[in-house]
Structure formats: structure tokens, C-alpha cells
Amino acid sequence: MIKIVTRSTKKAAFYLQREKVVAIPTETVYGLAGSIYSDKALRTIFELKNRPYYNPLIVHIDAVASLQRVAVNIPDKVYELAAHFWPGPLTFILEKHPSISDYITAGRSTVAVRMPNHPLTLELLQKVGVPLAAPSANPFGSISPTTAQHVFSYFKKDLEVILDGGPCDFGIESTIVGFENNELVVYRLGSITLEALESVVGKVSLKTHAEDHPKAPGMLSKHYAPQTPLVLTPQIESLAQQLLGQNVGLILFQKRDFKLPYCTEILSEMGSLEEAARHLYDTLHRMDKKGFDLLLIEPFPDEGLGRALNDRLKRASITETHYTSKNVFCV
């Protein structure tokens, strides 16, 4: 059903202004976007993704001044953080403006909002003239898309327009923060590190899991997962040795002496967390299409951007207890 894969924001705006859903690029991942003032578009987003209605959406705006269109009683710290990180991958949970639909907020009194750092999407927001709600452009729970081709593979039968902005620069989702007792709380680890946040506002706390009525996207325990079962293990070499002869693919953080006869992907030759983040979802997409029975991936250093990468992998993976000592894999 895809009618257009385009770099024209004019064409994308034409569809959005007619209550259609359009796939858009951001610096983090691609999103499925619809006008925040169109319940028809918002329902279509949930239907396309098969996303539960209790999981809220993120609103995208084109300028800090546009915050007042979607939120009220905005803390001063929001403007302080926005001055450092906007446009960019930082999402705020704020008290919602009365005009914001319950579809967006899952019935909550708060709304998630950010200003993306992608030239095409900022241009599109200005052309459309309204903020856009845009969760990631993938079926609920699956690997997030970082290229237009990923989106096309997911939705070629159901989506009309993809705005192609090339590969995403960051490769993992935005960091989501809110305020409790005037203190900053991180609800989702993402492209902005804890260290970067703390350099601006001091110590922050973490509350990144919620199974019932999550405050923010990405808080559910199962998310970002390939179809192929994925095992996250710090003992990747010894586990791979045990599984010799089986149909297994390996994903390593950086290049090292690893001589087992497996199809192996390296996320960063030099061990750069930023480079690994850019490549992670694309690598998972490619490995997921190779027909393996099992994928093994090693964790990242649990610091800086590595925390967010490990968070994604923990939600995407099964545990090592899901296979037996006889190497019979059990889902």
C-alpha cells in the first residue's frame, strides 16, 4: 500500500493535514506520526502498531516556545535542560494542556514531549503547523527502525507515506525524564546519558520499569525484540563454544580475537558506544533476517550510553535458563 517514499516535507505535510499517518525520521529512530488534534490519526497509530492504549505516546514540537501548546505549569528546570539538549533526544513528562487527547496520554494527566533534532522533521513540523504524536514506527514490542527500509519492511501493506531522512544519527530512543518533588527522575534510559543530565541539574533518580499504566514509553519489561530469540550474556565466548554446530549468530560490541566459526557482527571496531548505538538496531534487523535459531549478544560497559544499550538488550532478550544443558533451545 506504500504510495510514497519521499524526502519532500510538502508531500508528507499534505497527508498529515488530512488526518493520515506518516512515518518520519528523527535523530533517534523513525516514528509513526499523526496530528495531536486528530483522534482518527491517533487511533490509526495504535492500530498499525498493535500498541496497547495504556502505553502513552510522545508529542514532537518544533520549538521550545511550542511547549506551552501542549503542557502547563512547566518547571524552570525544563527550560534549563532544553537549553542544553534541545533540539535533541530528551523527552519531558509534563502536566498536559487541556487540549491534549487521552489517546496520547493513556488517560493520564501528563504528556511526554520533545523537540527532535532532524532537519526534515523540524521542517515538516513547521509546514504542518501542529505538534505530532509519534511513537517508533514498528509493531509493538519489536525492533525499532533506524532506516526508511526498516519501516517499509514493517508496514508496506498498511502505510501510505514514509518521509526518508536517511539512517538515524543516534540509533536508540530518547531519554525520558519527569519531576517528582521537584527532583529529576529518569523513566527511560536513552541517548542522553545520566552523566550529561547530572552535569546540568545534579543527582537524578531512576524509575525505568512499570508493567501497569506506565508513565512513559519503553518502561515495559518486554520490548525492542527480534523475532529470533536473543540471549544477552557476558560469557558469550564460552556459551558459543557450548553451542558449536547449532544455527547461532553472534553480535559483539567491539573487534577482538574470537575464532569460533560463527556468523559474527561487530557493532564498533574501536569500542565506541556512540557508534555501537547507531548500529545496534540495524544489526538486529539484519541478523533477524538470516534464519538463525538463536542470537547471542554481549552486554556493553554499564556506564554512559552503555546503560541505555544494556537496558534495551535486557528488554529484548530471553534468559539463559530458556535453553537446556543439552543445547536444546526452548522458547
Protein backbone atom coordinates (compact mmCIF):
# COMPACT_ATOMS: atom_id res chain seq x y z
CA MET A 1 0.00 0.00 0.00
CA ILE A 2 3.00 2.35 0.31
CA LYS A 3 2.31 5.19 -2.11
CA ILE A 4 5.29 7.44 -1.44
CA VAL A 5 8.80 7.09 -0.06
CA THR A 6 9.89 10.70 -0.23
CA ARG A 7 12.23 13.39 1.02
CA SER A 8 9.56 16.02 0.38
CA THR A 9 8.15 17.52 3.58
CA LYS A 10 5.47 19.19 1.46
CA LYS A 11 4.07 15.80 0.42
CA ALA A 12 4.31 14.44 3.96
CA ALA A 13 2.55 17.52 5.35
CA PHE A 14 -0.23 17.11 2.77
CA TYR A 15 -1.06 13.67 4.16
CA LEU A 16 -0.74 14.69 7.82
CA GLN A 17 -3.08 17.63 7.32
CA ARG A 18 -5.67 15.14 6.02
CA GLU A 19 -5.53 13.05 9.21
CA LYS A 20 -3.24 10.41 7.73
CA VAL A 21 -0.31 8.75 9.49
CA VAL A 22 3.18 9.32 8.05
CA ALA A 23 6.46 7.65 9.00
CA ILE A 24 9.04 10.32 9.90
CA PRO A 25 12.76 10.30 10.64
CA THR A 26 14.28 11.60 13.85
CA GLU A 27 17.82 11.53 15.19
CA THR A 28 16.87 8.55 17.39
CA VAL A 29 14.54 6.19 15.48
CA TYR A 30 11.80 6.53 12.87
CA GLY A 31 8.31 7.34 14.16
CA LEU A 32 4.70 6.86 13.09
CA ALA A 33 3.37 10.41 13.18
CA GLY A 34 -0.10 11.89 13.32
CA SER A 35 -1.58 15.24 14.30
CA ILE A 36 -2.17 15.52 18.04
CA TYR A 37 -5.56 17.08 17.21
CA SER A 38 -6.81 14.15 15.09
CA ASP A 39 -8.27 11.27 17.07
CA LYS A 40 -8.61 9.44 13.76
CA ALA A 41 -4.84 9.62 13.16
CA LEU A 42 -4.07 8.72 16.76
CA ARG A 43 -6.28 5.61 16.61
CA THR A 44 -4.59 4.63 13.34
CA ILE A 45 -1.18 4.78 15.04
CA PHE A 46 -2.31 2.39 17.76
CA GLU A 47 -3.94 0.07 15.24
CA LEU A 48 -0.93 -0.03 12.90
CA LYS A 49 1.43 -0.82 15.75
CA ASN A 50 -0.98 -3.11 17.62
CA ARG A 51 0.01 -0.94 20.57
CA PRO A 52 -1.95 -1.16 23.83
CA TYR A 53 -3.88 2.02 24.60
CA TYR A 54 -2.42 2.15 28.12
CA ASN A 55 1.02 2.93 26.65
CA PRO A 56 1.35 6.72 26.08
CA LEU A 57 2.77 8.46 23.00
CA ILE A 58 5.42 11.18 22.67
CA VAL A 59 4.46 14.57 21.26
CA HIS A 60 7.01 16.23 18.94
CA ILE A 61 7.26 20.02 18.70
CA ASP A 62 9.33 22.38 16.55
CA ALA A 63 10.48 24.93 19.14
CA VAL A 64 10.82 25.47 22.89
CA ALA A 65 8.09 28.14 22.62
CA SER A 66 5.67 25.43 21.46
CA LEU A 67 5.83 23.74 24.87
CA GLN A 68 3.00 26.00 26.04
CA ARG A 69 0.73 24.48 23.37
CA VAL A 70 0.96 21.03 24.90
CA ALA A 71 1.86 21.47 28.59
CA VAL A 72 1.06 23.67 31.59
CA ASN A 73 2.83 24.52 34.86
CA ILE A 74 6.20 23.84 33.24
CA PRO A 75 9.08 23.68 35.78
CA ASP A 76 12.02 26.04 35.31
CA LYS A 77 14.36 23.01 35.10
CA VAL A 78 12.69 22.03 31.83
CA TYR A 79 13.85 25.23 30.19
CA GLU A 80 17.31 24.80 31.73
CA LEU A 81 17.62 21.28 30.33
CA ALA A 82 16.07 22.25 26.99
CA ALA A 83 18.73 24.95 26.60
CA HIS A 84 21.37 22.21 26.80
CA PHE A 85 19.71 19.31 24.97
CA TRP A 86 17.06 20.62 22.54
CA PRO A 87 16.65 20.02 19.74
CA GLY A 88 17.68 16.51 20.70
CA PRO A 89 16.83 13.17 22.27
CA LEU A 90 15.43 14.33 25.62
CA THR A 91 11.72 13.85 26.38
CA PHE A 92 9.92 15.52 29.30
CA ILE A 93 6.88 14.21 31.17
CA LEU A 94 4.83 17.32 31.99
CA GLU A 95 1.35 18.31 33.13
CA LYS A 96 -0.71 18.19 29.97
CA HIS A 97 -2.55 21.05 28.28
CA PRO A 98 -6.36 20.55 28.31
CA SER A 99 -6.32 20.21 24.50
CA ILE A 100 -4.21 17.03 24.60
CA SER A 101 -6.15 13.87 23.75
CA ASP A 102 -6.40 10.98 26.21
CA TYR A 103 -5.24 8.75 23.35
CA ILE A 104 -1.84 10.43 23.62
CA THR A 105 -1.57 10.29 27.41
CA ALA A 106 -3.27 6.94 28.06
CA GLY A 107 -5.76 8.84 30.21
CA ARG A 108 -3.05 10.31 32.41
CA SER A 109 -2.78 13.95 33.44
CA THR A 110 0.73 14.13 31.98
CA VAL A 111 2.12 14.30 28.45
CA ALA A 112 5.51 13.28 27.02
CA VAL A 113 7.05 15.94 24.76
CA ARG A 114 10.31 16.56 22.93
CA MET A 115 11.87 18.61 20.14
CA PRO A 116 13.58 16.25 17.65
CA ASN A 117 16.92 17.10 16.08
CA HIS A 118 16.34 16.16 12.46
CA PRO A 119 16.18 18.86 9.77
CA LEU A 120 13.45 17.17 7.72
CA THR A 121 11.21 16.58 10.71
CA LEU A 122 11.66 20.10 12.08
CA GLU A 123 10.81 21.43 8.62
CA LEU A 124 7.79 19.11 8.48
CA LEU A 125 6.53 20.27 11.88
CA GLN A 126 6.68 23.87 10.69
CA LYS A 127 4.83 23.03 7.47
CA VAL A 128 2.10 21.04 9.21
CA GLY A 129 1.66 23.76 11.82
CA VAL A 130 0.71 21.42 14.68
CA PRO A 131 2.64 19.14 17.03
CA LEU A 132 2.84 15.48 16.03
CA ALA A 133 2.42 12.39 18.18
CA ALA A 134 4.96 9.81 17.05
CA PRO A 135 5.89 6.51 18.70
CA SER A 136 8.51 4.35 16.99
CA ALA A 137 7.50 3.05 13.54
CA ASN A 138 7.47 -0.66 14.36
CA PRO A 139 4.92 -3.21 15.53
CA PHE A 140 4.59 -3.08 19.30
CA GLY A 141 7.47 -4.81 21.08
CA SER A 142 9.65 -5.37 18.00
CA ILE A 143 12.99 -3.87 16.95
CA SER A 144 12.84 -0.11 16.48
CA PRO A 145 13.51 1.16 12.94
CA THR A 146 16.52 3.34 12.13
CA THR A 147 16.11 3.48 8.33
CA ALA A 148 13.20 4.03 5.95
CA GLN A 149 13.74 0.47 4.70
CA HIS A 150 13.07 -0.91 8.18
CA VAL A 151 9.76 0.97 8.22
CA PHE A 152 8.92 -0.23 4.72
CA SER A 153 9.55 -3.85 5.75
CA TYR A 154 7.15 -3.49 8.66
CA PHE A 155 4.31 -1.52 7.07
CA LYS A 156 4.46 -1.79 3.27
CA LYS A 157 0.90 -3.17 3.20
CA ASP A 158 -0.59 -0.68 5.65
CA LEU A 159 1.20 2.68 5.47
CA GLU A 160 0.86 5.27 2.72
CA VAL A 161 3.85 7.59 3.21
CA ILE A 162 7.42 7.35 4.53
CA LEU A 163 9.49 10.51 4.82
CA ASP A 164 13.02 9.23 4.14
CA GLY A 165 15.62 11.12 6.18
CA GLY A 166 18.41 8.56 5.88
CA PRO A 167 19.84 6.47 8.74
CA CYS A 168 19.22 7.84 12.24
CA ASP A 169 22.21 9.56 13.83
CA PHE A 170 21.80 8.25 17.39
CA GLY A 171 20.11 4.91 16.78
CA ILE A 172 18.34 4.46 20.13
CA GLU A 173 15.36 6.25 21.61
CA SER A 174 15.29 9.48 23.58
CA THR A 175 15.89 9.65 27.31
CA ILE A 176 12.60 10.34 29.14
CA VAL A 177 12.56 12.38 32.34
CA GLY A 178 9.98 13.82 34.69
CA PHE A 179 9.78 15.51 38.07
CA GLU A 180 8.84 14.16 41.48
CA ASN A 181 9.05 16.56 44.43
CA ASN A 182 10.87 18.94 42.07
CA GLU A 183 13.64 16.38 41.54
CA LEU A 184 14.52 14.93 38.15
CA VAL A 185 13.53 11.29 37.58
CA VAL A 186 14.61 9.22 34.57
CA TYR A 187 11.78 6.97 33.34
CA ARG A 188 13.58 5.67 30.25
CA LEU A 189 17.32 5.49 29.64
CA GLY A 190 18.25 6.74 26.19
CA SER A 191 20.56 8.79 24.02
CA ILE A 192 21.17 11.46 26.68
CA THR A 193 23.29 9.86 29.43
CA LEU A 194 22.78 10.15 33.17
CA GLU A 195 26.16 11.84 33.39
CA ALA A 196 25.08 14.51 30.90
CA LEU A 197 21.86 15.19 32.82
CA GLU A 198 23.65 15.34 36.17
CA SER A 199 26.16 17.82 34.80
CA VAL A 200 23.25 20.25 34.42
CA VAL A 201 20.87 19.55 37.33
CA GLY A 202 22.80 17.39 39.81
CA LYS A 203 21.84 13.91 41.02
CA VAL A 204 18.92 12.19 39.27
CA SER A 205 16.99 9.05 40.20
CA LEU A 206 15.88 6.09 38.08
CA LYS A 207 12.39 4.57 37.78
CA THR A 208 12.56 2.72 34.48
CA HIS A 209 10.12 -0.19 34.93
CA ALA A 210 6.33 -0.26 35.04
CA GLU A 211 4.05 -3.02 33.75
CA ASP A 212 0.72 -1.36 34.55
CA HIS A 213 -0.10 2.10 33.18
CA PRO A 214 3.49 3.21 32.51
CA LYS A 215 4.23 6.92 32.79
CA ALA A 216 6.35 6.79 29.65
CA PRO A 217 7.02 4.61 26.60
CA GLY A 218 9.73 1.96 26.94
CA MET A 219 9.02 1.02 30.57
CA LEU A 220 7.54 -2.43 29.88
CA SER A 221 9.77 -5.43 30.57
CA LYS A 222 9.46 -6.88 27.04
CA HIS A 223 10.35 -4.54 24.20
CA TYR A 224 12.70 -3.91 21.23
CA ALA A 225 12.84 -7.65 20.48
CA PRO A 226 13.77 -9.51 17.27
CA GLN A 227 11.73 -12.49 16.12
CA THR A 228 14.81 -14.67 16.62
CA PRO A 229 15.31 -15.48 20.33
CA LEU A 230 18.10 -13.26 21.69
CA VAL A 231 20.31 -14.14 24.66
CA LEU A 232 22.27 -11.41 26.42
CA THR A 233 25.29 -12.99 28.09
CA PRO A 234 28.62 -11.73 29.47
CA GLN A 235 30.03 -15.23 28.82
CA ILE A 236 29.38 -15.10 25.10
CA GLU A 237 32.52 -16.97 24.08
CA SER A 238 32.03 -19.88 26.46
CA LEU A 239 28.33 -20.12 25.62
CA ALA A 240 29.11 -20.05 21.90
CA GLN A 241 31.61 -22.87 22.48
CA GLN A 242 28.85 -24.96 24.11
CA LEU A 243 26.55 -24.33 21.14
CA LEU A 244 29.03 -25.26 18.39
CA GLY A 245 27.27 -26.91 15.47
CA GLN A 246 23.98 -25.13 16.10
CA ASN A 247 22.45 -22.39 13.96
CA VAL A 248 23.57 -19.43 16.06
CA GLY A 249 24.57 -15.85 15.23
CA LEU A 250 26.84 -13.68 17.38
CA ILE A 251 26.87 -9.91 17.98
CA LEU A 252 29.96 -8.40 19.63
CA PHE A 253 30.48 -4.90 20.98
CA GLN A 254 33.97 -4.48 19.52
CA LYS A 255 36.56 -6.31 17.45
CA ARG A 256 38.64 -8.87 19.34
CA ASP A 257 40.27 -12.25 18.94
CA PHE A 258 37.26 -14.52 18.57
CA LYS A 259 37.92 -17.56 16.39
CA LEU A 260 34.77 -19.64 16.71
CA PRO A 261 33.13 -20.46 13.34
CA TYR A 262 30.01 -18.30 13.65
CA CYS A 263 28.44 -15.57 11.60
CA THR A 264 29.53 -12.59 13.72
CA GLU A 265 28.65 -8.89 13.60
CA ILE A 266 30.82 -6.19 15.22
CA LEU A 267 28.98 -3.10 16.45
CA SER A 268 32.07 -0.91 16.77
CA GLU A 269 35.55 -1.86 15.61
CA MET A 270 37.15 0.56 18.12
CA GLY A 271 34.73 0.06 21.02
CA SER A 272 32.80 3.33 20.67
CA LEU A 273 29.46 3.27 22.50
CA GLU A 274 28.12 6.02 20.23
CA GLU A 275 28.98 4.01 17.11
CA ALA A 276 27.55 0.83 18.65
CA ALA A 277 24.28 2.65 19.41
CA ARG A 278 23.99 3.80 15.79
CA HIS A 279 24.47 0.23 14.57
CA LEU A 280 22.60 -1.81 17.18
CA TYR A 281 19.04 -1.87 15.80
CA ASP A 282 20.18 -2.10 12.18
CA THR A 283 22.37 -5.08 13.12
CA LEU A 284 19.48 -6.75 14.94
CA HIS A 285 17.26 -6.24 11.88
CA ARG A 286 19.85 -7.84 9.58
CA MET A 287 20.65 -10.75 11.89
CA ASP A 288 16.96 -11.37 12.45
CA LYS A 289 16.51 -11.99 8.71
CA LYS A 290 19.31 -14.58 8.41
CA GLY A 291 17.27 -17.52 9.70
CA PHE A 292 19.22 -18.26 12.88
CA ASP A 293 17.65 -20.32 15.65
CA LEU A 294 19.35 -18.19 18.29
CA LEU A 295 21.26 -14.91 18.58
CA LEU A 296 23.88 -14.24 21.26
CA ILE A 297 24.92 -10.72 22.20
CA GLU A 298 27.31 -9.49 24.87
CA PRO A 299 26.50 -6.58 27.23
CA PHE A 300 28.14 -3.18 26.98
CA PRO A 301 30.17 -1.45 29.69
CA ASP A 302 27.48 -0.35 32.16
CA GLU A 303 28.31 3.33 32.06
CA GLY A 304 27.34 6.33 29.95
CA LEU A 305 25.46 5.31 26.83
CA GLY A 306 26.16 1.66 27.69
CA ARG A 307 23.45 1.78 30.38
CA ALA A 308 20.79 2.61 27.79
CA LEU A 309 22.09 -0.04 25.37
CA ASN A 310 22.05 -2.70 28.09
CA ASP A 311 18.55 -1.61 29.08
CA ARG A 312 17.36 -2.21 25.50
CA LEU A 313 19.04 -5.61 25.32
CA LYS A 314 17.61 -6.78 28.66
CA ARG A 315 14.09 -5.96 27.44
CA ALA A 316 14.74 -7.57 24.04
CA SER A 317 16.29 -10.80 25.29
CA ILE A 318 15.28 -14.04 26.93
CA THR A 319 17.25 -15.52 29.82
CA GLU A 320 19.91 -18.20 29.54
CA THR A 321 17.63 -20.54 31.51
CA HIS A 322 15.48 -20.87 28.37
CA TYR A 323 17.84 -23.47 26.91
CA THR A 324 19.00 -26.72 28.49
CA SER A 325 22.41 -28.13 29.18
CA LYS A 326 21.86 -30.44 26.21
CA ASN A 327 21.76 -27.35 23.98
CA VAL A 328 18.12 -27.94 23.09
CA PHE A 329 16.69 -24.47 22.75
CA CYS A 330 13.37 -23.89 24.47
CA VAL A 331 11.27 -20.76 23.94
